[in-house]
Amino acid sequence: MSTLQTKICGIRSAASAFAAATASANYIGFNFVTSSKRLIEANEAKTIVKALKEEYPNLNRPKTVGVFANQPLLYINSVAEYCDLDMVQLSGNEPFAFAERVTAPTLKAIKVETNTSRESELKRLDQLAKLAEKKDILIILDKYDPHLQGGTGQIHDWLLAAELAKHHLFLLSGGLNIENINEAILSIRPFGIDVASGIETDGQDNATKITAFLNAAQLTNEGINH
């Protein structure tokens, strides 16, 4: 059975981190993008990471991920070390060469553009995915928005994503929630999923929604594999 990788992003409370860990999330993300409404201070993230590792001392706990976008390399590496993060996610327009200089294992967001033909965009994404694989970087597929960095919360071209999923591993991001996660998994068959806005209530991460979302996603994935 292929295991669906799950990432809960925009964590700002220990309760949400614990809910994600209890429901078997693979990754939890902390957003350090200064323009993001999900921005968390390094001291707060450090406290949550410490509590998570104390509460879940075994290796099955989620990997902790710091989300950055177009920020200085020194800052990224310093925050990752200070907060004791497992990984770093680059959500800006950083080249892969920049990712290789990050001291922690790296995730890289690739933005799907809609102002070009599906054929040419698929070719571009395929080339980027191949390059990422050579460098052992897992990609996150999100929608391009010139005004937003560190997650858009907007659905992109799922037909294009489904084509890409036939040949490449990626985490599907962008507008996922409890209402559409079943359709997303069934129609795209991604390696994994990444959610932030879909587990929030009034702009705040919600532990109950996190549990429900992860349970729904895992149930759908189990149905595919039986």
C-alpha atoms as a PDB file:
ATOM      1  CA  MET A   1       0.000   0.000   0.000  1.00  0.00           C
ATOM      2  CA  SER A   2       1.397   3.401  -0.949  1.00  0.00           C
ATOM      3  CA  THR A   3       1.358   5.780   1.991  1.00  0.00           C
ATOM      4  CA  LEU A   4       0.010   9.261   1.349  1.00  0.00           C
ATOM      5  CA  GLN A   5       2.398  11.864   2.724  1.00  0.00           C
ATOM      6  CA  THR A   6       0.593  14.604   4.636  1.00  0.00           C
ATOM      7  CA  LYS A   7       1.763  18.083   5.619  1.00  0.00           C
ATOM      8  CA  ILE A   8      -0.087  20.501   7.887  1.00  0.00           C
ATOM      9  CA  CYS A   9       1.266  24.005   7.428  1.00  0.00           C
ATOM     10  CA  GLY A  10       0.901  27.318   9.205  1.00  0.00           C
ATOM     11  CA  ILE A  11       1.042  25.799  12.690  1.00  0.00           C
ATOM     12  CA  ARG A  12       0.938  28.430  15.437  1.00  0.00           C
ATOM     13  CA  SER A  13      -0.074  26.455  18.525  1.00  0.00           C
ATOM     14  CA  ALA A  14       1.087  23.372  20.411  1.00  0.00           C
ATOM     15  CA  ALA A  15      -2.495  22.030  20.359  1.00  0.00           C
ATOM     16  CA  SER A  16      -2.503  22.036  16.548  1.00  0.00           C
ATOM     17  CA  ALA A  17       0.965  20.461  16.414  1.00  0.00           C
ATOM     18  CA  PHE A  18      -0.149  17.697  18.784  1.00  0.00           C
ATOM     19  CA  ALA A  19      -3.351  17.123  16.779  1.00  0.00           C
ATOM     20  CA  ALA A  20      -1.319  16.753  13.578  1.00  0.00           C
ATOM     21  CA  ALA A  21       1.111  14.333  15.252  1.00  0.00           C
ATOM     22  CA  THR A  22      -1.674  12.246  16.804  1.00  0.00           C
ATOM     23  CA  ALA A  23      -3.414  11.954  13.418  1.00  0.00           C
ATOM     24  CA  SER A  24      -0.118  10.791  11.840  1.00  0.00           C
ATOM     25  CA  ALA A  25       0.838  13.828   9.768  1.00  0.00           C
ATOM     26  CA  ASN A  26       4.255  13.378   8.148  1.00  0.00           C
ATOM     27  CA  TYR A  27       5.234  17.054   8.246  1.00  0.00           C
ATOM     28  CA  ILE A  28       4.153  20.162  10.114  1.00  0.00           C
ATOM     29  CA  GLY A  29       5.144  23.590   8.838  1.00  0.00           C
ATOM     30  CA  PHE A  30       5.940  26.853  10.594  1.00  0.00           C
ATOM     31  CA  ASN A  31       5.720  29.961   8.425  1.00  0.00           C
ATOM     32  CA  PHE A  32       8.577  32.466   8.728  1.00  0.00           C
ATOM     33  CA  VAL A  33       7.618  34.504   5.644  1.00  0.00           C
ATOM     34  CA  THR A  34       7.317  38.031   7.023  1.00  0.00           C
ATOM     35  CA  SER A  35       4.450  39.004   4.694  1.00  0.00           C
ATOM     36  CA  SER A  36       2.383  35.906   5.567  1.00  0.00           C
ATOM     37  CA  LYS A  37      -0.704  36.074   7.757  1.00  0.00           C
ATOM     38  CA  ARG A  38       0.560  32.803   9.269  1.00  0.00           C
ATOM     39  CA  LEU A  39       3.868  34.283  10.395  1.00  0.00           C
ATOM     40  CA  ILE A  40       5.183  32.784  13.632  1.00  0.00           C
ATOM     41  CA  GLU A  41       8.033  34.207  15.688  1.00  0.00           C
ATOM     42  CA  ALA A  42      11.112  32.008  16.049  1.00  0.00           C
ATOM     43  CA  ASN A  43      10.748  31.877  19.844  1.00  0.00           C
ATOM     44  CA  GLU A  44       7.179  30.568  19.547  1.00  0.00           C
ATOM     45  CA  ALA A  45       8.137  27.971  16.940  1.00  0.00           C
ATOM     46  CA  LYS A  46      11.072  26.834  19.069  1.00  0.00           C
ATOM     47  CA  THR A  47       8.754  26.330  22.061  1.00  0.00           C
ATOM     48  CA  ILE A  48       6.257  24.281  20.019  1.00  0.00           C
ATOM     49  CA  VAL A  49       8.997  22.142  18.438  1.00  0.00           C
ATOM     50  CA  LYS A  50      10.480  21.429  21.874  1.00  0.00           C
ATOM     51  CA  ALA A  51       7.057  20.497  23.287  1.00  0.00           C
ATOM     52  CA  LEU A  52       6.339  18.277  20.291  1.00  0.00           C
ATOM     53  CA  LYS A  53       9.594  16.380  20.670  1.00  0.00           C
ATOM     54  CA  GLU A  54       8.985  15.909  24.382  1.00  0.00           C
ATOM     55  CA  GLU A  55       5.401  14.737  23.853  1.00  0.00           C
ATOM     56  CA  TYR A  56       6.296  12.464  20.915  1.00  0.00           C
ATOM     57  CA  PRO A  57       9.843  11.231  21.623  1.00  0.00           C
ATOM     58  CA  ASN A  58       9.779   8.462  19.018  1.00  0.00           C
ATOM     59  CA  LEU A  59      10.879   8.855  15.424  1.00  0.00           C
ATOM     60  CA  ASN A  60       7.312   8.553  14.110  1.00  0.00           C
ATOM     61  CA  ARG A  61       6.484  12.154  14.976  1.00  0.00           C
ATOM     62  CA  PRO A  62       6.052  14.601  12.093  1.00  0.00           C
ATOM     63  CA  LYS A  63       9.102  16.274  10.619  1.00  0.00           C
ATOM     64  CA  THR A  64       9.140  19.976  11.504  1.00  0.00           C
ATOM     65  CA  VAL A  65       9.506  22.319   8.521  1.00  0.00           C
ATOM     66  CA  GLY A  66      10.355  26.021   8.413  1.00  0.00           C
ATOM     67  CA  VAL A  67       8.728  27.861   5.498  1.00  0.00           C
ATOM     68  CA  PHE A  68      10.680  30.751   3.932  1.00  0.00           C
ATOM     69  CA  ALA A  69      10.418  32.781   0.722  1.00  0.00           C
ATOM     70  CA  ASN A  70      13.155  34.902  -0.869  1.00  0.00           C
ATOM     71  CA  GLN A  71      14.916  35.415   2.465  1.00  0.00           C
ATOM     72  CA  PRO A  72      18.677  35.501   3.170  1.00  0.00           C
ATOM     73  CA  LEU A  73      20.456  32.169   3.391  1.00  0.00           C
ATOM     74  CA  LEU A  74      22.069  33.076   6.706  1.00  0.00           C
ATOM     75  CA  TYR A  75      18.681  33.910   8.205  1.00  0.00           C
ATOM     76  CA  ILE A  76      17.118  30.656   6.969  1.00  0.00           C
ATOM     77  CA  ASN A  77      19.933  28.485   8.316  1.00  0.00           C
ATOM     78  CA  SER A  78      20.015  30.390  11.605  1.00  0.00           C
ATOM     79  CA  VAL A  79      16.267  30.034  12.239  1.00  0.00           C
ATOM     80  CA  ALA A  80      16.321  26.349  11.271  1.00  0.00           C
ATOM     81  CA  GLU A  81      19.107  25.699  13.760  1.00  0.00           C
ATOM     82  CA  TYR A  82      17.640  27.879  16.519  1.00  0.00           C
ATOM     83  CA  CYS A  83      14.216  26.226  16.312  1.00  0.00           C
ATOM     84  CA  ASP A  84      15.702  22.718  15.903  1.00  0.00           C
ATOM     85  CA  LEU A  85      13.771  22.188  12.662  1.00  0.00           C
ATOM     86  CA  ASP A  86      14.088  18.990  10.658  1.00  0.00           C
ATOM     87  CA  MET A  87      13.622  20.604   7.233  1.00  0.00           C
ATOM     88  CA  VAL A  88      13.344  23.885   5.338  1.00  0.00           C
ATOM     89  CA  GLN A  89      10.758  24.756   2.682  1.00  0.00           C
ATOM     90  CA  LEU A  90      11.589  27.398   0.080  1.00  0.00           C
ATOM     91  CA  SER A  91       8.413  28.994  -1.262  1.00  0.00           C
ATOM     92  CA  GLY A  92       9.841  31.922  -3.217  1.00  0.00           C
ATOM     93  CA  ASN A  93      11.659  31.964  -6.556  1.00  0.00           C
ATOM     94  CA  GLU A  94      14.898  30.566  -5.141  1.00  0.00           C
ATOM     95  CA  PRO A  95      16.922  28.498  -7.634  1.00  0.00           C
ATOM     96  CA  PHE A  96      17.850  24.924  -6.795  1.00  0.00           C
ATOM     97  CA  ALA A  97      21.460  26.032  -6.358  1.00  0.00           C
ATOM     98  CA  PHE A  98      20.286  28.155  -3.427  1.00  0.00           C
ATOM     99  CA  ALA A  99      18.444  25.183  -1.935  1.00  0.00           C
ATOM    100  CA  GLU A 100      21.655  23.177  -1.961  1.00  0.00           C
ATOM    101  CA  ARG A 101      23.241  25.737   0.373  1.00  0.00           C
ATOM    102  CA  VAL A 102      20.519  25.331   2.997  1.00  0.00           C
ATOM    103  CA  THR A 103      21.924  23.218   5.825  1.00  0.00           C
ATOM    104  CA  ALA A 104      18.695  21.248   6.438  1.00  0.00           C
ATOM    105  CA  PRO A 105      16.991  18.865   3.975  1.00  0.00           C
ATOM    106  CA  THR A 106      14.870  20.990   1.661  1.00  0.00           C
ATOM    107  CA  LEU A 107      11.378  21.117   0.182  1.00  0.00           C
ATOM    108  CA  LYS A 108      10.818  23.463  -2.772  1.00  0.00           C
ATOM    109  CA  ALA A 109       7.526  24.992  -3.814  1.00  0.00           C
ATOM    110  CA  ILE A 110       6.946  25.050  -7.567  1.00  0.00           C
ATOM    111  CA  LYS A 111       4.210  27.424  -8.701  1.00  0.00           C
ATOM    112  CA  VAL A 112       1.764  26.446 -11.436  1.00  0.00           C
ATOM    113  CA  GLU A 113       1.170  29.274 -13.899  1.00  0.00           C
ATOM    114  CA  THR A 114      -2.133  29.677 -15.723  1.00  0.00           C
ATOM    115  CA  ASN A 115      -1.207  32.274 -18.344  1.00  0.00           C
ATOM    116  CA  THR A 116       0.263  29.717 -20.723  1.00  0.00           C
ATOM    117  CA  SER A 117      -0.902  26.561 -22.476  1.00  0.00           C
ATOM    118  CA  ARG A 118      -1.248  23.385 -20.415  1.00  0.00           C
ATOM    119  CA  GLU A 119       1.215  21.630 -22.737  1.00  0.00           C
ATOM    120  CA  SER A 120       4.001  24.178 -22.289  1.00  0.00           C
ATOM    121  CA  GLU A 121       3.376  24.487 -18.542  1.00  0.00           C
ATOM    122  CA  LEU A 122       3.495  20.706 -18.119  1.00  0.00           C
ATOM    123  CA  LYS A 123       6.813  20.639 -19.970  1.00  0.00           C
ATOM    124  CA  ARG A 124       8.208  23.358 -17.689  1.00  0.00           C
ATOM    125  CA  LEU A 125       7.023  21.586 -14.529  1.00  0.00           C
ATOM    126  CA  ASP A 126       8.377  18.265 -15.774  1.00  0.00           C
ATOM    127  CA  GLN A 127      11.820  19.798 -16.298  1.00  0.00           C
ATOM    128  CA  LEU A 128      11.798  21.386 -12.838  1.00  0.00           C
ATOM    129  CA  ALA A 129      10.662  18.124 -11.230  1.00  0.00           C
ATOM    130  CA  LYS A 130      13.471  16.202 -12.930  1.00  0.00           C
ATOM    131  CA  LEU A 131      16.010  18.736 -11.709  1.00  0.00           C
ATOM    132  CA  ALA A 132      14.639  18.536  -8.165  1.00  0.00           C
ATOM    133  CA  GLU A 133      14.838  14.744  -8.196  1.00  0.00           C
ATOM    134  CA  LYS A 134      18.495  14.853  -9.234  1.00  0.00           C
ATOM    135  CA  LYS A 135      19.172  17.068  -6.227  1.00  0.00           C
ATOM    136  CA  ASP A 136      17.015  14.956  -3.877  1.00  0.00           C
ATOM    137  CA  ILE A 137      14.583  17.826  -3.259  1.00  0.00           C
ATOM    138  CA  LEU A 138      10.884  17.062  -2.805  1.00  0.00           C
ATOM    139  CA  ILE A 139       8.650  19.598  -4.545  1.00  0.00           C
ATOM    140  CA  ILE A 140       5.347  21.139  -3.496  1.00  0.00           C
ATOM    141  CA  LEU A 141       2.945  22.046  -6.298  1.00  0.00           C
ATOM    142  CA  ASP A 142       1.102  25.303  -5.583  1.00  0.00           C
ATOM    143  CA  LYS A 143      -0.597  28.017  -7.617  1.00  0.00           C
ATOM    144  CA  TYR A 144       1.371  31.017  -8.816  1.00  0.00           C
ATOM    145  CA  ASP A 145       0.200  34.291  -7.317  1.00  0.00           C
ATOM    146  CA  PRO A 146       2.418  37.365  -7.753  1.00  0.00           C
ATOM    147  CA  HIS A 147       1.040  38.846  -4.532  1.00  0.00           C
ATOM    148  CA  LEU A 148       1.372  35.848  -2.213  1.00  0.00           C
ATOM    149  CA  GLN A 149       4.350  33.884  -0.929  1.00  0.00           C
ATOM    150  CA  GLY A 150       4.468  30.894   1.398  1.00  0.00           C
ATOM    151  CA  GLY A 151       1.172  29.344   0.234  1.00  0.00           C
ATOM    152  CA  THR A 152      -1.716  30.811  -1.747  1.00  0.00           C
ATOM    153  CA  GLY A 153      -4.737  28.818  -0.565  1.00  0.00           C
ATOM    154  CA  GLN A 154      -5.907  28.741  -4.193  1.00  0.00           C
ATOM    155  CA  ILE A 155      -6.710  25.706  -6.331  1.00  0.00           C
ATOM    156  CA  HIS A 156      -4.681  25.349  -9.530  1.00  0.00           C
ATOM    157  CA  ASP A 157      -4.988  23.121 -12.612  1.00  0.00           C
ATOM    158  CA  TRP A 158      -5.722  19.632 -11.252  1.00  0.00           C
ATOM    159  CA  LEU A 159      -5.676  18.083 -14.741  1.00  0.00           C
ATOM    160  CA  LEU A 160      -2.126  19.307 -15.160  1.00  0.00           C
ATOM    161  CA  ALA A 161      -1.245  18.069 -11.669  1.00  0.00           C
ATOM    162  CA  ALA A 162      -2.645  14.624 -12.494  1.00  0.00           C
ATOM    163  CA  GLU A 163      -0.434  14.422 -15.577  1.00  0.00           C
ATOM    164  CA  LEU A 164       2.622  15.424 -13.564  1.00  0.00           C
ATOM    165  CA  ALA A 165       1.778  12.852 -10.871  1.00  0.00           C
ATOM    166  CA  LYS A 166       2.118  10.046 -13.425  1.00  0.00           C
ATOM    167  CA  HIS A 167       5.877  10.628 -13.550  1.00  0.00           C
ATOM    168  CA  HIS A 168       6.897  12.623 -10.480  1.00  0.00           C
ATOM    169  CA  LEU A 169       6.485  12.728  -6.708  1.00  0.00           C
ATOM    170  CA  PHE A 170       5.171  15.947  -5.208  1.00  0.00           C
ATOM    171  CA  LEU A 171       3.028  17.309  -2.412  1.00  0.00           C
ATOM    172  CA  LEU A 172      -0.178  18.833  -3.781  1.00  0.00           C
ATOM    173  CA  SER A 173      -0.939  22.225  -2.255  1.00  0.00           C
ATOM    174  CA  GLY A 174      -3.406  25.019  -2.912  1.00  0.00           C
ATOM    175  CA  GLY A 175      -6.981  25.325  -1.671  1.00  0.00           C
ATOM    176  CA  LEU A 176      -7.328  21.836  -0.192  1.00  0.00           C
ATOM    177  CA  ASN A 177      -9.974  21.299   2.493  1.00  0.00           C
ATOM    178  CA  ILE A 178     -12.233  18.648   4.017  1.00  0.00           C
ATOM    179  CA  GLU A 179     -14.788  19.128   1.209  1.00  0.00           C
ATOM    180  CA  ASN A 180     -12.455  18.559  -1.747  1.00  0.00           C
ATOM    181  CA  ILE A 181      -9.650  16.358  -0.423  1.00  0.00           C
ATOM    182  CA  ASN A 182     -11.396  13.149  -1.526  1.00  0.00           C
ATOM    183  CA  GLU A 183     -11.717  14.401  -5.118  1.00  0.00           C
ATOM    184  CA  ALA A 184      -8.159  15.751  -5.116  1.00  0.00           C
ATOM    185  CA  ILE A 185      -6.627  12.437  -4.067  1.00  0.00           C
ATOM    186  CA  LEU A 186      -8.803  10.334  -6.376  1.00  0.00           C
ATOM    187  CA  SER A 187      -8.320  12.521  -9.453  1.00  0.00           C
ATOM    188  CA  ILE A 188      -4.633  13.400  -9.066  1.00  0.00           C
ATOM    189  CA  ARG A 189      -3.115  10.512  -7.051  1.00  0.00           C
ATOM    190  CA  PRO A 190      -0.346  12.703  -5.627  1.00  0.00           C
ATOM    191  CA  PHE A 191       2.534  11.418  -3.516  1.00  0.00           C
ATOM    192  CA  GLY A 192       1.322  13.730  -0.769  1.00  0.00           C
ATOM    193  CA  ILE A 193      -0.812  16.711   0.200  1.00  0.00           C
ATOM    194  CA  ASP A 194      -0.101  20.033   1.918  1.00  0.00           C
ATOM    195  CA  VAL A 195      -2.798  22.120   3.636  1.00  0.00           C
ATOM    196  CA  ALA A 196      -2.943  25.398   5.567  1.00  0.00           C
ATOM    197  CA  SER A 197      -6.067  27.488   4.888  1.00  0.00           C
ATOM    198  CA  GLY A 198      -8.251  24.358   4.783  1.00  0.00           C
ATOM    199  CA  ILE A 199      -7.628  23.568   8.465  1.00  0.00           C
ATOM    200  CA  GLU A 200      -8.245  27.087   9.741  1.00  0.00           C
ATOM    201  CA  THR A 201     -11.201  28.766  11.422  1.00  0.00           C
ATOM    202  CA  ASP A 202     -11.266  32.560  11.262  1.00  0.00           C
ATOM    203  CA  GLY A 203      -7.629  32.569  10.143  1.00  0.00           C
ATOM    204  CA  GLN A 204      -6.361  30.391  12.986  1.00  0.00           C
ATOM    205  CA  ASP A 205      -5.209  26.766  12.767  1.00  0.00           C
ATOM    206  CA  ASN A 206      -7.877  24.502  14.241  1.00  0.00           C
ATOM    207  CA  ALA A 207      -6.945  21.198  15.928  1.00  0.00           C
ATOM    208  CA  THR A 208     -10.370  19.642  15.262  1.00  0.00           C
ATOM    209  CA  LYS A 209     -10.195  20.492  11.557  1.00  0.00           C
ATOM    210  CA  ILE A 210      -6.640  19.137  11.371  1.00  0.00           C
ATOM    211  CA  THR A 211      -7.766  15.781  12.760  1.00  0.00           C
ATOM    212  CA  ALA A 212     -10.806  15.602  10.460  1.00  0.00           C
ATOM    213  CA  PHE A 213      -8.809  16.568   7.374  1.00  0.00           C
ATOM    214  CA  LEU A 214      -6.049  14.008   8.002  1.00  0.00           C
ATOM    215  CA  ASN A 215      -8.545  11.245   8.783  1.00  0.00           C
ATOM    216  CA  ALA A 216     -10.490  11.988   5.578  1.00  0.00           C
ATOM    217  CA  ALA A 217      -7.333  12.019   3.465  1.00  0.00           C
ATOM    218  CA  GLN A 218      -6.044   8.752   4.908  1.00  0.00           C
ATOM    219  CA  LEU A 219      -9.436   7.075   4.503  1.00  0.00           C
ATOM    220  CA  THR A 220      -9.566   8.064   0.832  1.00  0.00           C
ATOM    221  CA  ASN A 221      -6.030   6.810   0.271  1.00  0.00           C
ATOM    222  CA  GLU A 222      -6.815   3.486   1.949  1.00  0.00           C
ATOM    223  CA  GLY A 223      -9.803   3.098  -0.385  1.00  0.00           C
ATOM    224  CA  ILE A 224      -7.531   3.514  -3.418  1.00  0.00           C
ATOM    225  CA  ASN A 225      -5.154   0.851  -2.141  1.00  0.00           C
ATOM    226  CA  HIS A 226      -7.752  -1.826  -1.408  1.00  0.00           C
END
